[in-house]
PDB file of N, CA and C in Angstrom:
ATOM      1  N   MET A   1       5.839 -47.986  42.312  1.00  0.00           N
ATOM      2  CA  MET A   1       5.318 -46.700  42.070  1.00  0.00           C
ATOM      3  C   MET A   1       4.093 -46.805  41.200  1.00  0.00           C
ATOM      4  N   SER A   2       3.184 -45.862  41.389  1.00  0.00           N
ATOM      5  CA  SER A   2       1.995 -45.965  40.529  1.00  0.00           C
ATOM      6  C   SER A   2       2.288 -45.298  39.185  1.00  0.00           C
ATOM      7  N   ALA A   3       1.455 -45.471  38.235  1.00  0.00           N
ATOM      8  CA  ALA A   3       1.597 -44.963  36.796  1.00  0.00           C
ATOM      9  C   ALA A   3       1.504 -43.430  36.844  1.00  0.00           C
ATOM     10  N   LYS A   4       0.727 -42.878  37.800  1.00  0.00           N
ATOM     11  CA  LYS A   4       0.571 -41.427  37.785  1.00  0.00           C
ATOM     12  C   LYS A   4       1.917 -40.747  38.275  1.00  0.00           C
ATOM     13  N   LYS A   5       2.532 -41.376  39.290  1.00  0.00           N
ATOM     14  CA  LYS A   5       3.878 -40.756  39.747  1.00  0.00           C
ATOM     15  C   LYS A   5       4.946 -40.900  38.774  1.00  0.00           C
ATOM     16  N   ILE A   6       4.969 -41.960  37.993  1.00  0.00           N
ATOM     17  CA  ILE A   6       5.974 -42.149  36.912  1.00  0.00           C
ATOM     18  C   ILE A   6       5.681 -41.151  35.801  1.00  0.00           C
ATOM     19  N   ALA A   7       4.525 -40.889  35.396  1.00  0.00           N
ATOM     20  CA  ALA A   7       4.184 -39.954  34.427  1.00  0.00           C
ATOM     21  C   ALA A   7       4.513 -38.457  34.855  1.00  0.00           C
ATOM     22  N   LYS A   8       4.418 -38.138  36.088  1.00  0.00           N
ATOM     23  CA  LYS A   8       4.748 -36.846  36.565  1.00  0.00           C
ATOM     24  C   LYS A   8       6.251 -36.599  36.563  1.00  0.00           C
ATOM     25  N   LYS A   9       7.044 -37.706  36.849  1.00  0.00           N
ATOM     26  CA  LYS A   9       8.500 -37.579  36.805  1.00  0.00           C
ATOM     27  C   LYS A   9       8.988 -37.422  35.414  1.00  0.00           C
ATOM     28  N   LYS A  10       8.398 -38.105  34.445  1.00  0.00           N
ATOM     29  CA  LYS A  10       8.871 -38.084  33.072  1.00  0.00           C
ATOM     30  C   LYS A  10       8.315 -36.921  32.204  1.00  0.00           C
ATOM     31  N   ALA A  11       7.318 -36.259  32.793  1.00  0.00           N
ATOM     32  CA  ALA A  11       6.736 -35.126  32.068  1.00  0.00           C
ATOM     33  C   ALA A  11       7.742 -33.923  31.939  1.00  0.00           C
ATOM     34  N   LYS A  12       7.730 -33.344  30.771  1.00  0.00           N
ATOM     35  CA  LYS A  12       8.720 -32.231  30.526  1.00  0.00           C
ATOM     36  C   LYS A  12       8.065 -30.904  30.997  1.00  0.00           C
ATOM     37  N   PRO A  13       8.754 -29.981  31.427  1.00  0.00           N
ATOM     38  CA  PRO A  13       8.210 -28.750  31.893  1.00  0.00           C
ATOM     39  C   PRO A  13       7.702 -27.981  30.624  1.00  0.00           C
ATOM     40  N   ALA A  14       6.645 -27.164  30.850  1.00  0.00           N
ATOM     41  CA  ALA A  14       6.058 -26.426  29.688  1.00  0.00           C
ATOM     42  C   ALA A  14       7.013 -25.356  29.214  1.00  0.00           C
ATOM     43  N   ALA A  15       7.060 -25.157  27.886  1.00  0.00           N
ATOM     44  CA  ALA A  15       7.930 -24.229  27.302  1.00  0.00           C
ATOM     45  C   ALA A  15       7.400 -22.755  27.667  1.00  0.00           C
ATOM     46  N   LYS A  16       8.369 -21.886  28.021  1.00  0.00           N
ATOM     47  CA  LYS A  16       8.017 -20.539  28.316  1.00  0.00           C
ATOM     48  C   LYS A  16       7.619 -19.728  27.064  1.00  0.00           C
ATOM     49  N   LYS A  17       6.573 -18.902  27.158  1.00  0.00           N
ATOM     50  CA  LYS A  17       6.185 -18.168  26.066  1.00  0.00           C
ATOM     51  C   LYS A  17       6.969 -16.911  26.018  1.00  0.00           C
ATOM     52  N   ARG A  18       7.405 -16.663  24.828  1.00  0.00           N
ATOM     53  CA  ARG A  18       8.132 -15.353  24.542  1.00  0.00           C
ATOM     54  C   ARG A  18       7.231 -14.154  24.517  1.00  0.00           C
ATOM     55  N   ALA A  19       7.709 -13.099  24.957  1.00  0.00           N
ATOM     56  CA  ALA A  19       6.957 -11.815  24.848  1.00  0.00           C
ATOM     57  C   ALA A  19       6.909 -11.351  23.448  1.00  0.00           C
ATOM     58  N   LYS A  20       5.815 -10.789  22.998  1.00  0.00           N
ATOM     59  CA  LYS A  20       5.745 -10.252  21.593  1.00  0.00           C
ATOM     60  C   LYS A  20       6.595  -9.072  21.453  1.00  0.00           C
ATOM     61  N   ARG A  21       7.188  -8.958  20.327  1.00  0.00           N
ATOM     62  CA  ARG A  21       8.068  -7.767  20.015  1.00  0.00           C
ATOM     63  C   ARG A  21       7.208  -6.624  19.805  1.00  0.00           C
ATOM     64  N   VAL A  22       7.724  -5.491  20.350  1.00  0.00           N
ATOM     65  CA  VAL A  22       6.999  -4.229  20.279  1.00  0.00           C
ATOM     66  C   VAL A  22       7.899  -3.390  19.252  1.00  0.00           C
ATOM     67  N   PRO A  23       7.392  -2.967  18.199  1.00  0.00           N
ATOM     68  CA  PRO A  23       8.209  -2.138  17.266  1.00  0.00           C
ATOM     69  C   PRO A  23       8.624  -0.803  17.922  1.00  0.00           C
ATOM     70  N   LYS A  24       9.909  -0.391  17.508  1.00  0.00           N
ATOM     71  CA  LYS A  24      10.334   0.839  18.095  1.00  0.00           C
ATOM     72  C   LYS A  24       9.542   2.029  17.481  1.00  0.00           C
ATOM     73  N   LYS A  25       9.253   2.965  18.254  1.00  0.00           N
ATOM     74  CA  LYS A  25       8.480   4.152  17.793  1.00  0.00           C
ATOM     75  C   LYS A  25       9.352   5.193  17.094  1.00  0.00           C
ATOM     76  N   THR A  26      10.569   5.080  17.166  1.00  0.00           N
ATOM     77  CA  THR A  26      11.489   6.060  16.494  1.00  0.00           C
ATOM     78  C   THR A  26      11.670   5.722  15.072  1.00  0.00           C
ATOM     79  N   ALA A  27      11.471   4.431  14.573  1.00  0.00           N
ATOM     80  CA  ALA A  27      11.738   4.016  13.242  1.00  0.00           C
ATOM     81  C   ALA A  27      10.635   4.608  12.274  1.00  0.00           C
ATOM     82  N   ALA A  28       9.405   4.676  12.709  1.00  0.00           N
ATOM     83  CA  ALA A  28       8.330   5.084  11.802  1.00  0.00           C
ATOM     84  C   ALA A  28       8.497   6.542  11.246  1.00  0.00           C
ATOM     85  N   PRO A  29       8.835   7.505  12.087  1.00  0.00           N
ATOM     86  CA  PRO A  29       8.994   8.869  11.594  1.00  0.00           C
ATOM     87  C   PRO A  29      10.148   8.944  10.586  1.00  0.00           C
ATOM     88  N   ALA A  30      11.210   8.184  10.804  1.00  0.00           N
ATOM     89  CA  ALA A  30      12.335   8.236   9.949  1.00  0.00           C
ATOM     90  C   ALA A  30      11.936   7.686   8.572  1.00  0.00           C
ATOM     91  N   ARG A  31      11.139   6.735   8.509  1.00  0.00           N
ATOM     92  CA  ARG A  31      10.698   6.130   7.215  1.00  0.00           C
ATOM     93  C   ARG A  31       9.781   7.106   6.498  1.00  0.00           C
ATOM     94  N   GLU A  32       8.959   7.853   7.198  1.00  0.00           N
ATOM     95  CA  GLU A  32       8.089   8.928   6.582  1.00  0.00           C
ATOM     96  C   GLU A  32       8.831  10.041   6.047  1.00  0.00           C
ATOM     97  N   ILE A  33       9.975  10.395   6.655  1.00  0.00           N
ATOM     98  CA  ILE A  33      10.707  11.544   6.200  1.00  0.00           C
ATOM     99  C   ILE A  33      11.549  11.199   5.039  1.00  0.00           C
ATOM    100  N   GLN A  34      12.052   9.906   4.999  1.00  0.00           N
ATOM    101  CA  GLN A  34      12.832   9.508   3.785  1.00  0.00           C
ATOM    102  C   GLN A  34      11.919   9.462   2.651  1.00  0.00           C
ATOM    103  N   ARG A  35      12.426  10.087   1.509  1.00  0.00           N
ATOM    104  CA  ARG A  35      11.598  10.211   0.302  1.00  0.00           C
ATOM    105  C   ARG A  35      11.980   9.068  -0.637  1.00  0.00           C
ATOM    106  N   ARG A  36      11.082   8.612  -1.421  1.00  0.00           N
ATOM    107  CA  ARG A  36      11.229   7.653  -2.406  1.00  0.00           C
ATOM    108  C   ARG A  36      11.501   8.331  -3.699  1.00  0.00           C
ATOM    109  N   LEU A  37      12.560   7.956  -4.304  1.00  0.00           N
ATOM    110  CA  LEU A  37      12.920   8.552  -5.703  1.00  0.00           C
ATOM    111  C   LEU A  37      11.944   7.969  -6.696  1.00  0.00           C
ATOM    112  N   PRO A  38      11.481   8.822  -7.548  1.00  0.00           N
ATOM    113  CA  PRO A  38      10.552   8.362  -8.593  1.00  0.00           C
ATOM    114  C   PRO A  38      11.284   7.479  -9.591  1.00  0.00           C
ATOM    115  N   GLY A  39      10.462   6.465 -10.049  1.00  0.00           N
ATOM    116  CA  GLY A  39      11.012   5.467 -10.902  1.00  0.00           C
ATOM    117  C   GLY A  39      10.511   5.756 -12.364  1.00  0.00           C
ATOM    118  N   LYS A  40      11.070   4.991 -13.274  1.00  0.00           N
ATOM    119  CA  LYS A  40      10.668   5.144 -14.697  1.00  0.00           C
ATOM    120  C   LYS A  40       9.272   4.787 -14.965  1.00  0.00           C
ATOM    121  N   GLU A  41       8.676   3.968 -14.079  1.00  0.00           N
ATOM    122  CA  GLU A  41       7.256   3.673 -14.180  1.00  0.00           C
ATOM    123  C   GLU A  41       6.338   4.827 -13.892  1.00  0.00           C
ATOM    124  N   ASP A  42       6.869   5.822 -13.138  1.00  0.00           N
ATOM    125  CA  ASP A  42       6.106   6.994 -12.843  1.00  0.00           C
ATOM    126  C   ASP A  42       6.020   8.050 -13.902  1.00  0.00           C
ATOM    127  N   VAL A  43       6.748   7.811 -15.014  1.00  0.00           N
ATOM    128  CA  VAL A  43       6.775   8.812 -16.104  1.00  0.00           C
ATOM    129  C   VAL A  43       5.579   8.630 -17.033  1.00  0.00           C
ATOM    130  N   PRO A  44       4.868   9.668 -17.253  1.00  0.00           N
ATOM    131  CA  PRO A  44       3.690   9.491 -18.200  1.00  0.00           C
ATOM    132  C   PRO A  44       4.125   9.031 -19.620  1.00  0.00           C
ATOM    133  N   GLY A  45       3.400   7.967 -20.074  1.00  0.00           N
ATOM    134  CA  GLY A  45       3.755   7.486 -21.477  1.00  0.00           C
ATOM    135  C   GLY A  45       4.713   6.330 -21.425  1.00  0.00           C
ATOM    136  N   TYR A  46       5.233   5.990 -20.286  1.00  0.00           N
ATOM    137  CA  TYR A  46       6.107   4.784 -20.199  1.00  0.00           C
ATOM    138  C   TYR A  46       5.413   3.421 -20.401  1.00  0.00           C
ATOM    139  N   ALA A  47       5.928   2.603 -21.281  1.00  0.00           N
ATOM    140  CA  ALA A  47       5.280   1.290 -21.512  1.00  0.00           C
ATOM    141  C   ALA A  47       6.141   0.188 -20.813  1.00  0.00           C
ATOM    142  N   PRO A  48       5.692  -0.415 -19.790  1.00  0.00           N
ATOM    143  CA  PRO A  48       6.497  -1.315 -19.115  1.00  0.00           C
ATOM    144  C   PRO A  48       6.873  -2.583 -19.910  1.00  0.00           C
ATOM    145  N   GLY A  49       6.255  -2.928 -20.976  1.00  0.00           N
ATOM    146  CA  GLY A  49       6.614  -4.131 -21.741  1.00  0.00           C
ATOM    147  C   GLY A  49       7.752  -3.888 -22.685  1.00  0.00           C
ATOM    148  N   LEU A  50       8.074  -2.636 -22.970  1.00  0.00           N
ATOM    149  CA  LEU A  50       9.106  -2.312 -24.006  1.00  0.00           C
ATOM    150  C   LEU A  50      10.428  -2.069 -23.307  1.00  0.00           C
ATOM    151  N   PRO A  51      11.512  -2.403 -24.004  1.00  0.00           N
ATOM    152  CA  PRO A  51      12.807  -2.036 -23.441  1.00  0.00           C
ATOM    153  C   PRO A  51      13.110  -0.567 -23.597  1.00  0.00           C
ATOM    154  N   ASP A  52      14.144  -0.126 -22.806  1.00  0.00           N
ATOM    155  CA  ASP A  52      14.447   1.291 -22.885  1.00  0.00           C
ATOM    156  C   ASP A  52      15.531   1.585 -23.887  1.00  0.00           C
ATOM    157  N   LEU A  53      15.410   2.767 -24.603  1.00  0.00           N
ATOM    158  CA  LEU A  53      16.474   3.206 -25.527  1.00  0.00           C
ATOM    159  C   LEU A  53      17.649   3.762 -24.720  1.00  0.00           C
ATOM    160  N   GLN A  54      17.429   4.482 -23.625  1.00  0.00           N
ATOM    161  CA  GLN A  54      18.523   5.046 -22.812  1.00  0.00           C
ATOM    162  C   GLN A  54      18.464   4.364 -21.445  1.00  0.00           C
ATOM    163  N   ARG A  55      19.529   4.527 -20.642  1.00  0.00           N
ATOM    164  CA  ARG A  55      19.586   4.025 -19.328  1.00  0.00           C
ATOM    165  C   ARG A  55      18.856   4.983 -18.385  1.00  0.00           C
ATOM    166  N   TRP A  56      17.967   4.429 -17.542  1.00  0.00           N
ATOM    167  CA  TRP A  56      17.047   5.263 -16.751  1.00  0.00           C
ATOM    168  C   TRP A  56      17.773   6.382 -15.869  1.00  0.00           C
ATOM    169  N   PRO A  57      18.619   6.038 -14.940  1.00  0.00           N
ATOM    170  CA  PRO A  57      19.125   7.129 -14.104  1.00  0.00           C
ATOM    171  C   PRO A  57      19.971   8.036 -14.860  1.00  0.00           C
ATOM    172  N   GLU A  58      20.750   7.475 -15.850  1.00  0.00           N
ATOM    173  CA  GLU A  58      21.602   8.397 -16.574  1.00  0.00           C
ATOM    174  C   GLU A  58      20.899   9.407 -17.440  1.00  0.00           C
ATOM    175  N   ILE A  59      19.893   9.026 -18.108  1.00  0.00           N
ATOM    176  CA  ILE A  59      19.134  10.003 -18.868  1.00  0.00           C
ATOM    177  C   ILE A  59      18.399  11.066 -18.045  1.00  0.00           C
ATOM    178  N   ALA A  60      17.935  10.661 -16.878  1.00  0.00           N
ATOM    179  CA  ALA A  60      17.368  11.616 -15.991  1.00  0.00           C
ATOM    180  C   ALA A  60      18.412  12.690 -15.530  1.00  0.00           C
ATOM    181  N   ILE A  61      19.628  12.323 -15.355  1.00  0.00           N
ATOM    182  CA  ILE A  61      20.697  13.224 -14.966  1.00  0.00           C
ATOM    183  C   ILE A  61      21.043  14.107 -16.112  1.00  0.00           C
ATOM    184  N   LEU A  62      21.112  13.515 -17.345  1.00  0.00           N
ATOM    185  CA  LEU A  62      21.406  14.292 -18.556  1.00  0.00           C
ATOM    186  C   LEU A  62      20.390  15.355 -18.904  1.00  0.00           C
ATOM    187  N   LEU A  63      19.101  14.969 -18.644  1.00  0.00           N
ATOM    188  CA  LEU A  63      18.015  15.884 -18.957  1.00  0.00           C
ATOM    189  C   LEU A  63      17.825  16.856 -17.719  1.00  0.00           C
ATOM    190  N   LYS A  64      18.620  16.710 -16.658  1.00  0.00           N
ATOM    191  CA  LYS A  64      18.609  17.611 -15.502  1.00  0.00           C
ATOM    192  C   LYS A  64      17.267  17.631 -14.799  1.00  0.00           C
ATOM    193  N   VAL A  65      16.703  16.400 -14.521  1.00  0.00           N
ATOM    194  CA  VAL A  65      15.492  16.299 -13.794  1.00  0.00           C
ATOM    195  C   VAL A  65      15.785  16.372 -12.313  1.00  0.00           C
ATOM    196  N   ARG A  66      14.947  17.069 -11.571  1.00  0.00           N
ATOM    197  CA  ARG A  66      15.199  17.546 -10.268  1.00  0.00           C
ATOM    198  C   ARG A  66      15.607  16.499  -9.251  1.00  0.00           C
ATOM    199  N   PRO A  67      14.910  15.379  -8.953  1.00  0.00           N
ATOM    200  CA  PRO A  67      15.496  14.570  -7.883  1.00  0.00           C
ATOM    201  C   PRO A  67      16.736  13.900  -8.148  1.00  0.00           C
ATOM    202  N   PHE A  68      17.110  13.776  -9.453  1.00  0.00           N
ATOM    203  CA  PHE A  68      18.398  13.121  -9.756  1.00  0.00           C
ATOM    204  C   PHE A  68      19.513  14.107 -10.019  1.00  0.00           C
ATOM    205  N   TYR A  69      19.184  15.308 -10.405  1.00  0.00           N
ATOM    206  CA  TYR A  69      20.099  16.348 -10.703  1.00  0.00           C
ATOM    207  C   TYR A  69      19.821  17.623  -9.824  1.00  0.00           C
ATOM    208  N   THR A  70      20.719  18.036  -9.043  1.00  0.00           N
ATOM    209  CA  THR A  70      20.500  19.211  -8.246  1.00  0.00           C
ATOM    210  C   THR A  70      21.399  20.377  -8.703  1.00  0.00           C
ATOM    211  N   GLY A  71      20.730  21.325  -9.130  1.00  0.00           N
ATOM    212  CA  GLY A  71      21.437  22.461  -9.664  1.00  0.00           C
ATOM    213  C   GLY A  71      20.390  23.612  -9.982  1.00  0.00           C
ATOM    214  N   GLU A  72      20.905  24.781 -10.336  1.00  0.00           N
ATOM    215  CA  GLU A  72      20.048  25.922 -10.603  1.00  0.00           C
ATOM    216  C   GLU A  72      19.219  25.703 -11.806  1.00  0.00           C
ATOM    217  N   ASP A  73      19.692  24.998 -12.808  1.00  0.00           N
ATOM    218  CA  ASP A  73      18.998  24.777 -14.033  1.00  0.00           C
ATOM    219  C   ASP A  73      18.211  23.459 -14.127  1.00  0.00           C
ATOM    220  N   SER A  74      17.927  22.871 -12.964  1.00  0.00           N
ATOM    221  CA  SER A  74      17.180  21.634 -12.964  1.00  0.00           C
ATOM    222  C   SER A  74      15.716  21.891 -13.256  1.00  0.00           C
ATOM    223  N   VAL A  75      15.094  20.869 -13.834  1.00  0.00           N
ATOM    224  CA  VAL A  75      13.652  20.936 -14.134  1.00  0.00           C
ATOM    225  C   VAL A  75      12.853  19.944 -13.262  1.00  0.00           C
ATOM    226  N   PRO A  76      11.502  20.283 -13.018  1.00  0.00           N
ATOM    227  CA  PRO A  76      10.760  19.294 -12.191  1.00  0.00           C
ATOM    228  C   PRO A  76      10.527  17.985 -12.924  1.00  0.00           C
ATOM    229  N   PHE A  77      10.296  16.953 -12.082  1.00  0.00           N
ATOM    230  CA  PHE A  77      10.043  15.606 -12.620  1.00  0.00           C
ATOM    231  C   PHE A  77       8.795  15.593 -13.482  1.00  0.00           C
ATOM    232  N   SER A  78       7.856  16.458 -13.215  1.00  0.00           N
ATOM    233  CA  SER A  78       6.572  16.397 -13.949  1.00  0.00           C
ATOM    234  C   SER A  78       6.663  16.767 -15.447  1.00  0.00           C
ATOM    235  N   ARG A  79       7.850  17.367 -15.875  1.00  0.00           N
ATOM    236  CA  ARG A  79       8.087  17.677 -17.257  1.00  0.00           C
ATOM    237  C   ARG A  79       8.592  16.532 -18.029  1.00  0.00           C
ATOM    238  N   LEU A  80       9.086  15.393 -17.399  1.00  0.00           N
ATOM    239  CA  LEU A  80       9.658  14.243 -18.018  1.00  0.00           C
ATOM    240  C   LEU A  80       8.500  13.472 -18.639  1.00  0.00           C
ATOM    241  N   ARG A  81       8.714  13.020 -19.863  1.00  0.00           N
ATOM    242  CA  ARG A  81       7.737  12.225 -20.586  1.00  0.00           C
ATOM    243  C   ARG A  81       8.517  11.027 -21.294  1.00  0.00           C
ATOM    244  N   ALA A  82       7.668  10.021 -21.713  1.00  0.00           N
ATOM    245  CA  ALA A  82       8.200   8.843 -22.464  1.00  0.00           C
ATOM    246  C   ALA A  82       7.321   8.591 -23.622  1.00  0.00           C
ATOM    247  N   ARG A  83       7.910   8.074 -24.592  1.00  0.00           N
ATOM    248  CA  ARG A  83       7.189   7.646 -25.794  1.00  0.00           C
ATOM    249  C   ARG A  83       7.864   6.444 -26.482  1.00  0.00           C
ATOM    250  N   GLY A  84       6.982   5.801 -27.239  1.00  0.00           N
ATOM    251  CA  GLY A  84       7.524   4.613 -28.103  1.00  0.00           C
ATOM    252  C   GLY A  84       8.346   5.126 -29.247  1.00  0.00           C
ATOM    253  N   TYR A  85       9.536   4.612 -29.319  1.00  0.00           N
ATOM    254  CA  TYR A  85      10.417   5.012 -30.361  1.00  0.00           C
ATOM    255  C   TYR A  85      10.607   3.823 -31.358  1.00  0.00           C
ATOM    256  N   ASN A  86      10.410   4.005 -32.631  1.00  0.00           N
ATOM    257  CA  ASN A  86      10.587   2.943 -33.579  1.00  0.00           C
ATOM    258  C   ASN A  86      12.052   2.854 -33.986  1.00  0.00           C
ATOM    259  N   ASP A  87      12.691   1.675 -33.575  1.00  0.00           N
ATOM    260  CA  ASP A  87      14.131   1.422 -33.777  1.00  0.00           C
ATOM    261  C   ASP A  87      14.247   0.448 -34.900  1.00  0.00           C
ATOM    262  N   PRO A  88      14.564   0.892 -36.178  1.00  0.00           N
ATOM    263  CA  PRO A  88      14.695  -0.037 -37.263  1.00  0.00           C
ATOM    264  C   PRO A  88      15.883  -0.959 -37.223  1.00  0.00           C
ATOM    265  N   ALA A  89      16.865  -0.576 -36.447  1.00  0.00           N
ATOM    266  CA  ALA A  89      18.111  -1.455 -36.420  1.00  0.00           C
ATOM    267  C   ALA A  89      17.918  -2.685 -35.491  1.00  0.00           C
ATOM    268  N   SER A  90      16.952  -2.662 -34.614  1.00  0.00           N
ATOM    269  CA  SER A  90      16.759  -3.762 -33.757  1.00  0.00           C
ATOM    270  C   SER A  90      15.650  -4.616 -34.307  1.00  0.00           C
ATOM    271  N   PHE A  91      16.031  -5.946 -34.572  1.00  0.00           N
ATOM    272  CA  PHE A  91      15.014  -6.935 -35.100  1.00  0.00           C
ATOM    273  C   PHE A  91      14.203  -7.511 -34.057  1.00  0.00           C
ATOM    274  N   ARG A  92      14.774  -7.680 -32.857  1.00  0.00           N
ATOM    275  CA  ARG A  92      14.009  -8.314 -31.790  1.00  0.00           C
ATOM    276  C   ARG A  92      12.971  -7.427 -31.143  1.00  0.00           C
ATOM    277  N   ASN A  93      13.381  -6.109 -30.859  1.00  0.00           N
ATOM    278  CA  ASN A  93      12.495  -5.222 -30.257  1.00  0.00           C
ATOM    279  C   ASN A  93      12.484  -3.892 -31.112  1.00  0.00           C
ATOM    280  N   PRO A  94      11.630  -3.861 -32.154  1.00  0.00           N
ATOM    281  CA  PRO A  94      11.579  -2.729 -32.981  1.00  0.00           C
ATOM    282  C   PRO A  94      11.030  -1.425 -32.294  1.00  0.00           C
ATOM    283  N   MET A  95      10.260  -1.591 -31.210  1.00  0.00           N
ATOM    284  CA  MET A  95       9.764  -0.418 -30.395  1.00  0.00           C
ATOM    285  C   MET A  95      10.494  -0.365 -29.070  1.00  0.00           C
ATOM    286  N   LYS A  96      10.951   0.880 -28.704  1.00  0.00           N
ATOM    287  CA  LYS A  96      11.605   1.016 -27.448  1.00  0.00           C
ATOM    288  C   LYS A  96      11.060   2.306 -26.770  1.00  0.00           C
ATOM    289  N   ASN A  97      11.285   2.445 -25.468  1.00  0.00           N
ATOM    290  CA  ASN A  97      10.921   3.576 -24.706  1.00  0.00           C
ATOM    291  C   ASN A  97      12.001   4.669 -24.922  1.00  0.00           C
ATOM    292  N   GLU A  98      11.578   5.942 -25.115  1.00  0.00           N
ATOM    293  CA  GLU A  98      12.502   7.067 -25.194  1.00  0.00           C
ATOM    294  C   GLU A  98      11.992   8.055 -24.275  1.00  0.00           C
ATOM    295  N   PHE A  99      12.899   8.689 -23.489  1.00  0.00           N
ATOM    296  CA  PHE A  99      12.567   9.700 -22.522  1.00  0.00           C
ATOM    297  C   PHE A  99      12.873  11.035 -23.065  1.00  0.00           C
ATOM    298  N   TYR A 100      12.016  12.087 -22.840  1.00  0.00           N
ATOM    299  CA  TYR A 100      12.285  13.472 -23.228  1.00  0.00           C
ATOM    300  C   TYR A 100      11.588  14.437 -22.315  1.00  0.00           C
ATOM    301  N   LEU A 101      11.866  15.688 -22.463  1.00  0.00           N
ATOM    302  CA  LEU A 101      11.253  16.724 -21.606  1.00  0.00           C
ATOM    303  C   LEU A 101      10.129  17.387 -22.417  1.00  0.00           C
ATOM    304  N   ALA A 102       8.995  17.552 -21.812  1.00  0.00           N
ATOM    305  CA  ALA A 102       7.830  18.259 -22.422  1.00  0.00           C
ATOM    306  C   ALA A 102       7.955  19.758 -22.257  1.00  0.00           C
TER     307      ALA A 102
END
């Protein structure tokens, strides 16, 4: 046999190309409808480098801020503020973030 015929017999078949995935069109509107809860970084006056004096979701519920607390006496998220609080008891972090309502 010639070298060409031997090469043809030993050659592997070409791999089949997979079709590209098409994203479902029903998933996009569901993501747009789903709302993102505001984070503590969205509060005016919050300093990301400082630790927090209170726990974030718990203080938002105690202050009755609207996306976290649903009730008649809830307040909008825009009223929530943060400030630096001087904590003399803490030697490592003397300044901490404190949340309050404006």
